[in-house]
Amino acid sequence: MDDVNEPHPEPAEPAADAMEPELGARPSAPETASTLVFDVKQTAHSVPEDVLGILTGTFAASLGLYLLQSAGSVTGGTAGVALLFDYATSWPFWLIFAVVNLPFAVLAIWKKGWDFTLRTAVSIALVSGWSVVHHALLRIESLDPIYGTLGGNLLAGVGLLILFRHKASLGGINIVALLIQERTGFRAGWTQLILDLVIILISLLVIPAPAVLLSAVGAVLLNLVLAMNHRPGRYIGH
């Protein structure tokens, strides 16, 4: 039997080189740290969130288009094409916007499924509806072209960004840009910017060159909003 009064040997101190990390070595992560894993069901947008998001996104985008129309400017995408037809014809903008986007419905169903297509169709209808509301309730007698063009594109970009986050778009080039991003990783904003500049150049046939140049600057601003903020994997909510 061991003697309880006998002192126990003290544990040997660890070697100095074992206590000090290697030169240039990174400190190890705390044991409690772990990779964050998000529950898709918990982070997905609810139905009320999607409804409010689509209403907000379409309102912002339509108000931006109304400012552009009031300033005599254009932008890219099917919205830009609709504005060009609006300047060149006597058709109402809401009707032109809806008609221009119809051919892209088949592409959306084929590549993105019914859920995305229905959300996009609702968004297009809402933008057309909001445009009627703006014309009736927001009378703009005069508007500085620079303010109208830059402010309009900024609002349109924010509206599109909201719609993208709620699995919707405003049809046309938006759908093409999103498909290219999903297939190649090339950001939707950059794809849309390239196509938008082509549309703006065509607008030289309808509006004066200074307005076209200003519209090009506005389109760059719109697409910068998308390129810098709409990145796959950056956000939790779907």
C-alpha atoms as a PDB file:
ATOM      1  CA  MET A   1       0.000   0.000   0.000  1.00  0.00           C
ATOM      2  CA  ASP A   2       1.316   3.442  -0.908  1.00  0.00           C
ATOM      3  CA  ASP A   3       2.209   5.842   1.880  1.00  0.00           C
ATOM      4  CA  VAL A   4      -0.256   8.763   1.774  1.00  0.00           C
ATOM      5  CA  ASN A   5       2.420  11.086   3.181  1.00  0.00           C
ATOM      6  CA  GLU A   6       4.857  10.335   0.401  1.00  0.00           C
ATOM      7  CA  PRO A   7       5.052  13.282  -1.972  1.00  0.00           C
ATOM      8  CA  HIS A   8       4.062  12.564  -5.513  1.00  0.00           C
ATOM      9  CA  PRO A   9       6.488  13.537  -8.233  1.00  0.00           C
ATOM     10  CA  GLU A  10       5.531  16.766 -10.018  1.00  0.00           C
ATOM     11  CA  PRO A  11       4.772  16.421 -13.734  1.00  0.00           C
ATOM     12  CA  ALA A  12       7.604  17.414 -15.982  1.00  0.00           C
ATOM     13  CA  GLU A  13       7.275  20.784 -17.689  1.00  0.00           C
ATOM     14  CA  PRO A  14       6.821  20.617 -21.433  1.00  0.00           C
ATOM     15  CA  ALA A  15       9.780  21.468 -23.545  1.00  0.00           C
ATOM     16  CA  ALA A  16      10.165  25.077 -24.564  1.00  0.00           C
ATOM     17  CA  ASP A  17       9.815  24.286 -28.251  1.00  0.00           C
ATOM     18  CA  ALA A  18       6.534  22.515 -27.563  1.00  0.00           C
ATOM     19  CA  MET A  19       5.076  25.612 -25.896  1.00  0.00           C
ATOM     20  CA  GLU A  20       6.018  28.072 -28.612  1.00  0.00           C
ATOM     21  CA  PRO A  21       4.407  27.888 -32.052  1.00  0.00           C
ATOM     22  CA  GLU A  22       6.582  27.467 -35.056  1.00  0.00           C
ATOM     23  CA  LEU A  23       7.810  30.662 -36.660  1.00  0.00           C
ATOM     24  CA  GLY A  24       5.265  31.830 -39.222  1.00  0.00           C
ATOM     25  CA  ALA A  25       2.670  29.250 -38.207  1.00  0.00           C
ATOM     26  CA  ARG A  26      -0.910  30.463 -37.911  1.00  0.00           C
ATOM     27  CA  PRO A  27      -2.632  30.001 -34.570  1.00  0.00           C
ATOM     28  CA  SER A  28      -5.113  27.179 -34.601  1.00  0.00           C
ATOM     29  CA  ALA A  29      -8.816  27.988 -34.557  1.00  0.00           C
ATOM     30  CA  PRO A  30     -10.606  27.655 -31.213  1.00  0.00           C
ATOM     31  CA  GLU A  31     -12.065  24.254 -30.536  1.00  0.00           C
ATOM     32  CA  THR A  32     -15.518  25.763 -30.313  1.00  0.00           C
ATOM     33  CA  ALA A  33     -15.347  27.233 -33.825  1.00  0.00           C
ATOM     34  CA  SER A  34     -17.183  25.308 -36.487  1.00  0.00           C
ATOM     35  CA  THR A  35     -18.422  25.850 -39.986  1.00  0.00           C
ATOM     36  CA  LEU A  36     -21.809  27.537 -40.009  1.00  0.00           C
ATOM     37  CA  VAL A  37     -24.507  25.436 -41.603  1.00  0.00           C
ATOM     38  CA  PHE A  38     -27.805  27.098 -42.424  1.00  0.00           C
ATOM     39  CA  ASP A  39     -31.122  25.324 -42.562  1.00  0.00           C
ATOM     40  CA  VAL A  40     -32.558  26.072 -45.990  1.00  0.00           C
ATOM     41  CA  LYS A  41     -36.115  25.812 -44.694  1.00  0.00           C
ATOM     42  CA  GLN A  42     -35.453  28.279 -41.890  1.00  0.00           C
ATOM     43  CA  THR A  43     -33.628  30.808 -44.069  1.00  0.00           C
ATOM     44  CA  ALA A  44     -36.003  30.640 -47.051  1.00  0.00           C
ATOM     45  CA  HIS A  45     -38.369  33.563 -47.554  1.00  0.00           C
ATOM     46  CA  SER A  46     -41.904  32.989 -46.366  1.00  0.00           C
ATOM     47  CA  VAL A  47     -44.925  33.650 -48.589  1.00  0.00           C
ATOM     48  CA  PRO A  48     -45.696  37.036 -46.934  1.00  0.00           C
ATOM     49  CA  GLU A  49     -42.035  38.023 -47.344  1.00  0.00           C
ATOM     50  CA  ASP A  50     -42.111  37.086 -51.035  1.00  0.00           C
ATOM     51  CA  VAL A  51     -45.341  39.015 -51.583  1.00  0.00           C
ATOM     52  CA  LEU A  52     -44.021  42.144 -49.875  1.00  0.00           C
ATOM     53  CA  GLY A  53     -40.643  41.771 -51.593  1.00  0.00           C
ATOM     54  CA  ILE A  54     -42.175  41.521 -55.065  1.00  0.00           C
ATOM     55  CA  LEU A  55     -44.504  44.451 -54.382  1.00  0.00           C
ATOM     56  CA  THR A  56     -41.586  46.554 -53.147  1.00  0.00           C
ATOM     57  CA  GLY A  57     -39.260  45.536 -55.980  1.00  0.00           C
ATOM     58  CA  THR A  58     -41.801  46.234 -58.698  1.00  0.00           C
ATOM     59  CA  PHE A  59     -42.743  49.578 -57.162  1.00  0.00           C
ATOM     60  CA  ALA A  60     -39.115  50.717 -57.003  1.00  0.00           C
ATOM     61  CA  ALA A  61     -38.376  49.510 -60.548  1.00  0.00           C
ATOM     62  CA  SER A  62     -41.516  51.068 -62.018  1.00  0.00           C
ATOM     63  CA  LEU A  63     -40.847  54.391 -60.285  1.00  0.00           C
ATOM     64  CA  GLY A  64     -37.329  54.339 -61.718  1.00  0.00           C
ATOM     65  CA  LEU A  65     -38.719  53.729 -65.206  1.00  0.00           C
ATOM     66  CA  TYR A  66     -41.196  56.565 -64.719  1.00  0.00           C
ATOM     67  CA  LEU A  67     -38.340  58.940 -63.858  1.00  0.00           C
ATOM     68  CA  LEU A  68     -36.464  57.789 -66.961  1.00  0.00           C
ATOM     69  CA  GLN A  69     -39.534  58.322 -69.115  1.00  0.00           C
ATOM     70  CA  SER A  70     -40.082  61.785 -67.628  1.00  0.00           C
ATOM     71  CA  ALA A  71     -36.437  62.681 -68.288  1.00  0.00           C
ATOM     72  CA  GLY A  72     -36.590  61.484 -71.903  1.00  0.00           C
ATOM     73  CA  SER A  73     -33.897  58.840 -71.265  1.00  0.00           C
ATOM     74  CA  VAL A  74     -33.663  55.134 -71.920  1.00  0.00           C
ATOM     75  CA  THR A  75     -32.054  52.218 -70.190  1.00  0.00           C
ATOM     76  CA  GLY A  76     -31.173  48.655 -71.080  1.00  0.00           C
ATOM     77  CA  GLY A  77     -33.150  45.452 -71.107  1.00  0.00           C
ATOM     78  CA  THR A  78     -36.724  45.046 -72.215  1.00  0.00           C
ATOM     79  CA  ALA A  79     -37.554  48.154 -70.189  1.00  0.00           C
ATOM     80  CA  GLY A  80     -35.267  50.134 -72.472  1.00  0.00           C
ATOM     81  CA  VAL A  81     -36.851  48.577 -75.543  1.00  0.00           C
ATOM     82  CA  ALA A  82     -40.291  49.449 -74.164  1.00  0.00           C
ATOM     83  CA  LEU A  83     -39.206  53.058 -73.588  1.00  0.00           C
ATOM     84  CA  LEU A  84     -37.935  53.295 -77.168  1.00  0.00           C
ATOM     85  CA  PHE A  85     -41.288  52.084 -78.504  1.00  0.00           C
ATOM     86  CA  ASP A  86     -43.038  54.478 -76.133  1.00  0.00           C
ATOM     87  CA  TYR A  87     -41.121  57.410 -77.645  1.00  0.00           C
ATOM     88  CA  ALA A  88     -41.665  56.228 -81.217  1.00  0.00           C
ATOM     89  CA  THR A  89     -45.341  55.257 -80.991  1.00  0.00           C
ATOM     90  CA  SER A  90     -48.526  56.373 -79.293  1.00  0.00           C
ATOM     91  CA  TRP A  91     -48.985  53.109 -77.402  1.00  0.00           C
ATOM     92  CA  PRO A  92     -49.147  53.319 -73.586  1.00  0.00           C
ATOM     93  CA  PHE A  93     -45.997  52.199 -71.797  1.00  0.00           C
ATOM     94  CA  TRP A  94     -47.743  49.584 -69.659  1.00  0.00           C
ATOM     95  CA  LEU A  95     -48.988  47.749 -72.754  1.00  0.00           C
ATOM     96  CA  ILE A  96     -45.640  47.964 -74.569  1.00  0.00           C
ATOM     97  CA  PHE A  97     -43.769  46.665 -71.531  1.00  0.00           C
ATOM     98  CA  ALA A  98     -46.055  43.651 -71.224  1.00  0.00           C
ATOM     99  CA  VAL A  99     -45.948  42.809 -74.947  1.00  0.00           C
ATOM    100  CA  VAL A 100     -42.148  43.123 -75.241  1.00  0.00           C
ATOM    101  CA  ASN A 101     -41.678  40.587 -72.453  1.00  0.00           C
ATOM    102  CA  LEU A 102     -44.060  37.946 -73.800  1.00  0.00           C
ATOM    103  CA  PRO A 103     -41.507  36.146 -76.053  1.00  0.00           C
ATOM    104  CA  PHE A 104     -39.260  35.511 -73.079  1.00  0.00           C
ATOM    105  CA  ALA A 105     -41.976  33.643 -71.185  1.00  0.00           C
ATOM    106  CA  VAL A 106     -41.227  30.422 -73.075  1.00  0.00           C
ATOM    107  CA  LEU A 107     -37.527  30.716 -72.253  1.00  0.00           C
ATOM    108  CA  ALA A 108     -38.333  31.232 -68.586  1.00  0.00           C
ATOM    109  CA  ILE A 109     -40.599  28.171 -68.438  1.00  0.00           C
ATOM    110  CA  TRP A 110     -38.048  26.034 -70.263  1.00  0.00           C
ATOM    111  CA  LYS A 111     -34.970  27.034 -68.267  1.00  0.00           C
ATOM    112  CA  LYS A 112     -36.219  28.346 -64.925  1.00  0.00           C
ATOM    113  CA  GLY A 113     -39.430  26.445 -64.214  1.00  0.00           C
ATOM    114  CA  TRP A 114     -42.971  27.477 -63.470  1.00  0.00           C
ATOM    115  CA  ASP A 115     -42.298  29.018 -60.060  1.00  0.00           C
ATOM    116  CA  PHE A 116     -39.822  31.564 -61.415  1.00  0.00           C
ATOM    117  CA  THR A 117     -41.944  32.172 -64.513  1.00  0.00           C
ATOM    118  CA  LEU A 118     -45.119  32.880 -62.534  1.00  0.00           C
ATOM    119  CA  ARG A 119     -43.274  35.225 -60.177  1.00  0.00           C
ATOM    120  CA  THR A 120     -41.779  37.018 -63.167  1.00  0.00           C
ATOM    121  CA  ALA A 121     -45.145  37.260 -64.931  1.00  0.00           C
ATOM    122  CA  VAL A 122     -46.693  38.752 -61.801  1.00  0.00           C
ATOM    123  CA  SER A 123     -43.773  41.189 -61.510  1.00  0.00           C
ATOM    124  CA  ILE A 124     -44.160  42.327 -65.135  1.00  0.00           C
ATOM    125  CA  ALA A 125     -47.904  42.830 -64.609  1.00  0.00           C
ATOM    126  CA  LEU A 126     -47.248  44.801 -61.427  1.00  0.00           C
ATOM    127  CA  VAL A 127     -44.717  47.095 -63.124  1.00  0.00           C
ATOM    128  CA  SER A 128     -47.293  47.769 -65.844  1.00  0.00           C
ATOM    129  CA  GLY A 129     -49.905  48.464 -63.181  1.00  0.00           C
ATOM    130  CA  TRP A 130     -47.620  50.680 -61.100  1.00  0.00           C
ATOM    131  CA  SER A 131     -46.813  52.737 -64.218  1.00  0.00           C
ATOM    132  CA  VAL A 132     -50.500  53.620 -64.536  1.00  0.00           C
ATOM    133  CA  VAL A 133     -50.553  54.630 -60.862  1.00  0.00           C
ATOM    134  CA  HIS A 134     -47.465  56.833 -61.260  1.00  0.00           C
ATOM    135  CA  HIS A 135     -48.904  58.618 -64.276  1.00  0.00           C
ATOM    136  CA  ALA A 136     -52.167  59.251 -62.422  1.00  0.00           C
ATOM    137  CA  LEU A 137     -50.822  60.279 -59.020  1.00  0.00           C
ATOM    138  CA  LEU A 138     -47.328  61.638 -59.645  1.00  0.00           C
ATOM    139  CA  ARG A 139     -47.433  64.463 -62.142  1.00  0.00           C
ATOM    140  CA  ILE A 140     -43.934  65.629 -63.101  1.00  0.00           C
ATOM    141  CA  GLU A 141     -43.992  68.968 -64.889  1.00  0.00           C
ATOM    142  CA  SER A 142     -40.217  69.266 -65.256  1.00  0.00           C
ATOM    143  CA  LEU A 143     -37.299  67.033 -64.331  1.00  0.00           C
ATOM    144  CA  ASP A 144     -33.565  67.570 -64.625  1.00  0.00           C
ATOM    145  CA  PRO A 145     -32.288  64.954 -67.135  1.00  0.00           C
ATOM    146  CA  ILE A 146     -29.227  64.055 -65.061  1.00  0.00           C
ATOM    147  CA  TYR A 147     -31.260  63.569 -61.893  1.00  0.00           C
ATOM    148  CA  GLY A 148     -33.996  61.662 -63.718  1.00  0.00           C
ATOM    149  CA  THR A 149     -31.587  59.378 -65.559  1.00  0.00           C
ATOM    150  CA  LEU A 150     -29.275  58.530 -62.655  1.00  0.00           C
ATOM    151  CA  GLY A 151     -32.027  58.398 -60.055  1.00  0.00           C
ATOM    152  CA  GLY A 152     -34.258  56.334 -62.323  1.00  0.00           C
ATOM    153  CA  ASN A 153     -31.562  53.766 -63.063  1.00  0.00           C
ATOM    154  CA  LEU A 154     -30.609  53.549 -59.395  1.00  0.00           C
ATOM    155  CA  LEU A 155     -34.211  52.871 -58.380  1.00  0.00           C
ATOM    156  CA  ALA A 156     -34.628  50.341 -61.187  1.00  0.00           C
ATOM    157  CA  GLY A 157     -31.444  48.553 -60.114  1.00  0.00           C
ATOM    158  CA  VAL A 158     -32.553  48.350 -56.478  1.00  0.00           C
ATOM    159  CA  GLY A 159     -35.959  47.063 -57.602  1.00  0.00           C
ATOM    160  CA  LEU A 160     -34.377  44.367 -59.767  1.00  0.00           C
ATOM    161  CA  LEU A 161     -32.075  43.353 -56.935  1.00  0.00           C
ATOM    162  CA  ILE A 162     -35.056  42.867 -54.614  1.00  0.00           C
ATOM    163  CA  LEU A 163     -36.869  40.815 -57.257  1.00  0.00           C
ATOM    164  CA  PHE A 164     -33.807  38.615 -57.856  1.00  0.00           C
ATOM    165  CA  ARG A 165     -33.644  37.872 -54.124  1.00  0.00           C
ATOM    166  CA  HIS A 166     -37.261  36.714 -54.254  1.00  0.00           C
ATOM    167  CA  LYS A 167     -36.761  34.432 -57.274  1.00  0.00           C
ATOM    168  CA  ALA A 168     -38.341  36.780 -59.795  1.00  0.00           C
ATOM    169  CA  SER A 169     -37.255  39.167 -62.518  1.00  0.00           C
ATOM    170  CA  LEU A 170     -38.697  41.590 -65.027  1.00  0.00           C
ATOM    171  CA  GLY A 171     -38.281  39.180 -67.906  1.00  0.00           C
ATOM    172  CA  GLY A 172     -36.219  39.489 -71.041  1.00  0.00           C
ATOM    173  CA  ILE A 173     -32.533  40.155 -70.537  1.00  0.00           C
ATOM    174  CA  ASN A 174     -32.873  39.600 -66.795  1.00  0.00           C
ATOM    175  CA  ILE A 175     -33.660  35.954 -67.498  1.00  0.00           C
ATOM    176  CA  VAL A 176     -30.791  35.568 -69.979  1.00  0.00           C
ATOM    177  CA  ALA A 177     -28.351  37.191 -67.543  1.00  0.00           C
ATOM    178  CA  LEU A 178     -29.441  34.966 -64.660  1.00  0.00           C
ATOM    179  CA  LEU A 179     -29.136  31.835 -66.815  1.00  0.00           C
ATOM    180  CA  ILE A 180     -25.588  32.760 -67.866  1.00  0.00           C
ATOM    181  CA  GLN A 181     -24.645  33.403 -64.226  1.00  0.00           C
ATOM    182  CA  GLU A 182     -25.997  30.012 -63.149  1.00  0.00           C
ATOM    183  CA  ARG A 183     -24.237  28.153 -65.970  1.00  0.00           C
ATOM    184  CA  THR A 184     -20.882  29.955 -66.046  1.00  0.00           C
ATOM    185  CA  GLY A 185     -20.598  32.030 -62.862  1.00  0.00           C
ATOM    186  CA  PHE A 186     -20.279  35.215 -64.940  1.00  0.00           C
ATOM    187  CA  ARG A 187     -22.213  37.787 -62.935  1.00  0.00           C
ATOM    188  CA  ALA A 188     -25.665  38.715 -64.145  1.00  0.00           C
ATOM    189  CA  GLY A 189     -24.905  42.412 -63.773  1.00  0.00           C
ATOM    190  CA  TRP A 190     -21.998  42.303 -66.228  1.00  0.00           C
ATOM    191  CA  THR A 191     -23.959  40.312 -68.810  1.00  0.00           C
ATOM    192  CA  GLN A 192     -26.854  42.701 -68.577  1.00  0.00           C
ATOM    193  CA  LEU A 193     -24.507  45.680 -68.861  1.00  0.00           C
ATOM    194  CA  ILE A 194     -23.098  44.430 -72.186  1.00  0.00           C
ATOM    195  CA  LEU A 195     -26.546  43.802 -73.641  1.00  0.00           C
ATOM    196  CA  ASP A 196     -27.892  47.063 -72.242  1.00  0.00           C
ATOM    197  CA  LEU A 197     -25.186  49.101 -73.941  1.00  0.00           C
ATOM    198  CA  VAL A 198     -26.145  47.526 -77.273  1.00  0.00           C
ATOM    199  CA  ILE A 199     -29.775  48.552 -76.741  1.00  0.00           C
ATOM    200  CA  ILE A 200     -28.739  52.074 -75.760  1.00  0.00           C
ATOM    201  CA  LEU A 201     -26.659  52.426 -78.912  1.00  0.00           C
ATOM    202  CA  ILE A 202     -29.720  51.472 -80.956  1.00  0.00           C
ATOM    203  CA  SER A 203     -31.598  54.277 -79.187  1.00  0.00           C
ATOM    204  CA  LEU A 204     -29.535  56.747 -81.242  1.00  0.00           C
ATOM    205  CA  LEU A 205     -32.208  56.201 -83.873  1.00  0.00           C
ATOM    206  CA  VAL A 206     -34.870  57.634 -81.560  1.00  0.00           C
ATOM    207  CA  ILE A 207     -33.370  60.114 -79.070  1.00  0.00           C
ATOM    208  CA  PRO A 208     -30.576  62.740 -79.323  1.00  0.00           C
ATOM    209  CA  ALA A 209     -26.952  61.734 -78.821  1.00  0.00           C
ATOM    210  CA  PRO A 210     -26.483  63.625 -75.499  1.00  0.00           C
ATOM    211  CA  ALA A 211     -29.452  61.776 -74.015  1.00  0.00           C
ATOM    212  CA  VAL A 212     -28.005  58.480 -75.267  1.00  0.00           C
ATOM    213  CA  LEU A 213     -24.666  59.202 -73.613  1.00  0.00           C
ATOM    214  CA  LEU A 214     -26.382  60.055 -70.330  1.00  0.00           C
ATOM    215  CA  SER A 215     -28.504  56.918 -70.636  1.00  0.00           C
ATOM    216  CA  ALA A 216     -25.344  54.824 -71.040  1.00  0.00           C
ATOM    217  CA  VAL A 217     -23.948  56.251 -67.805  1.00  0.00           C
ATOM    218  CA  GLY A 218     -27.247  55.459 -66.087  1.00  0.00           C
ATOM    219  CA  ALA A 219     -27.219  51.885 -67.381  1.00  0.00           C
ATOM    220  CA  VAL A 220     -23.719  51.404 -65.976  1.00  0.00           C
ATOM    221  CA  LEU A 221     -24.984  52.604 -62.590  1.00  0.00           C
ATOM    222  CA  LEU A 222     -27.935  50.204 -62.692  1.00  0.00           C
ATOM    223  CA  ASN A 223     -25.781  47.221 -63.522  1.00  0.00           C
ATOM    224  CA  LEU A 224     -23.147  48.116 -60.943  1.00  0.00           C
ATOM    225  CA  VAL A 225     -25.891  47.840 -58.340  1.00  0.00           C
ATOM    226  CA  LEU A 226     -26.594  44.298 -59.545  1.00  0.00           C
ATOM    227  CA  ALA A 227     -22.988  43.235 -60.094  1.00  0.00           C
ATOM    228  CA  MET A 228     -21.835  44.348 -56.656  1.00  0.00           C
ATOM    229  CA  ASN A 229     -24.798  43.029 -54.702  1.00  0.00           C
ATOM    230  CA  HIS A 230     -26.234  40.005 -56.518  1.00  0.00           C
ATOM    231  CA  ARG A 231     -23.611  37.335 -55.907  1.00  0.00           C
ATOM    232  CA  PRO A 232     -24.452  33.629 -55.506  1.00  0.00           C
ATOM    233  CA  GLY A 233     -23.921  32.413 -51.940  1.00  0.00           C
ATOM    234  CA  ARG A 234     -23.612  35.884 -50.399  1.00  0.00           C
ATOM    235  CA  TYR A 235     -27.072  35.919 -48.859  1.00  0.00           C
ATOM    236  CA  ILE A 236     -28.781  33.440 -46.552  1.00  0.00           C
ATOM    237  CA  GLY A 237     -32.415  33.947 -47.520  1.00  0.00           C
ATOM    238  CA  HIS A 238     -33.778  32.424 -50.710  1.00  0.00           C
END
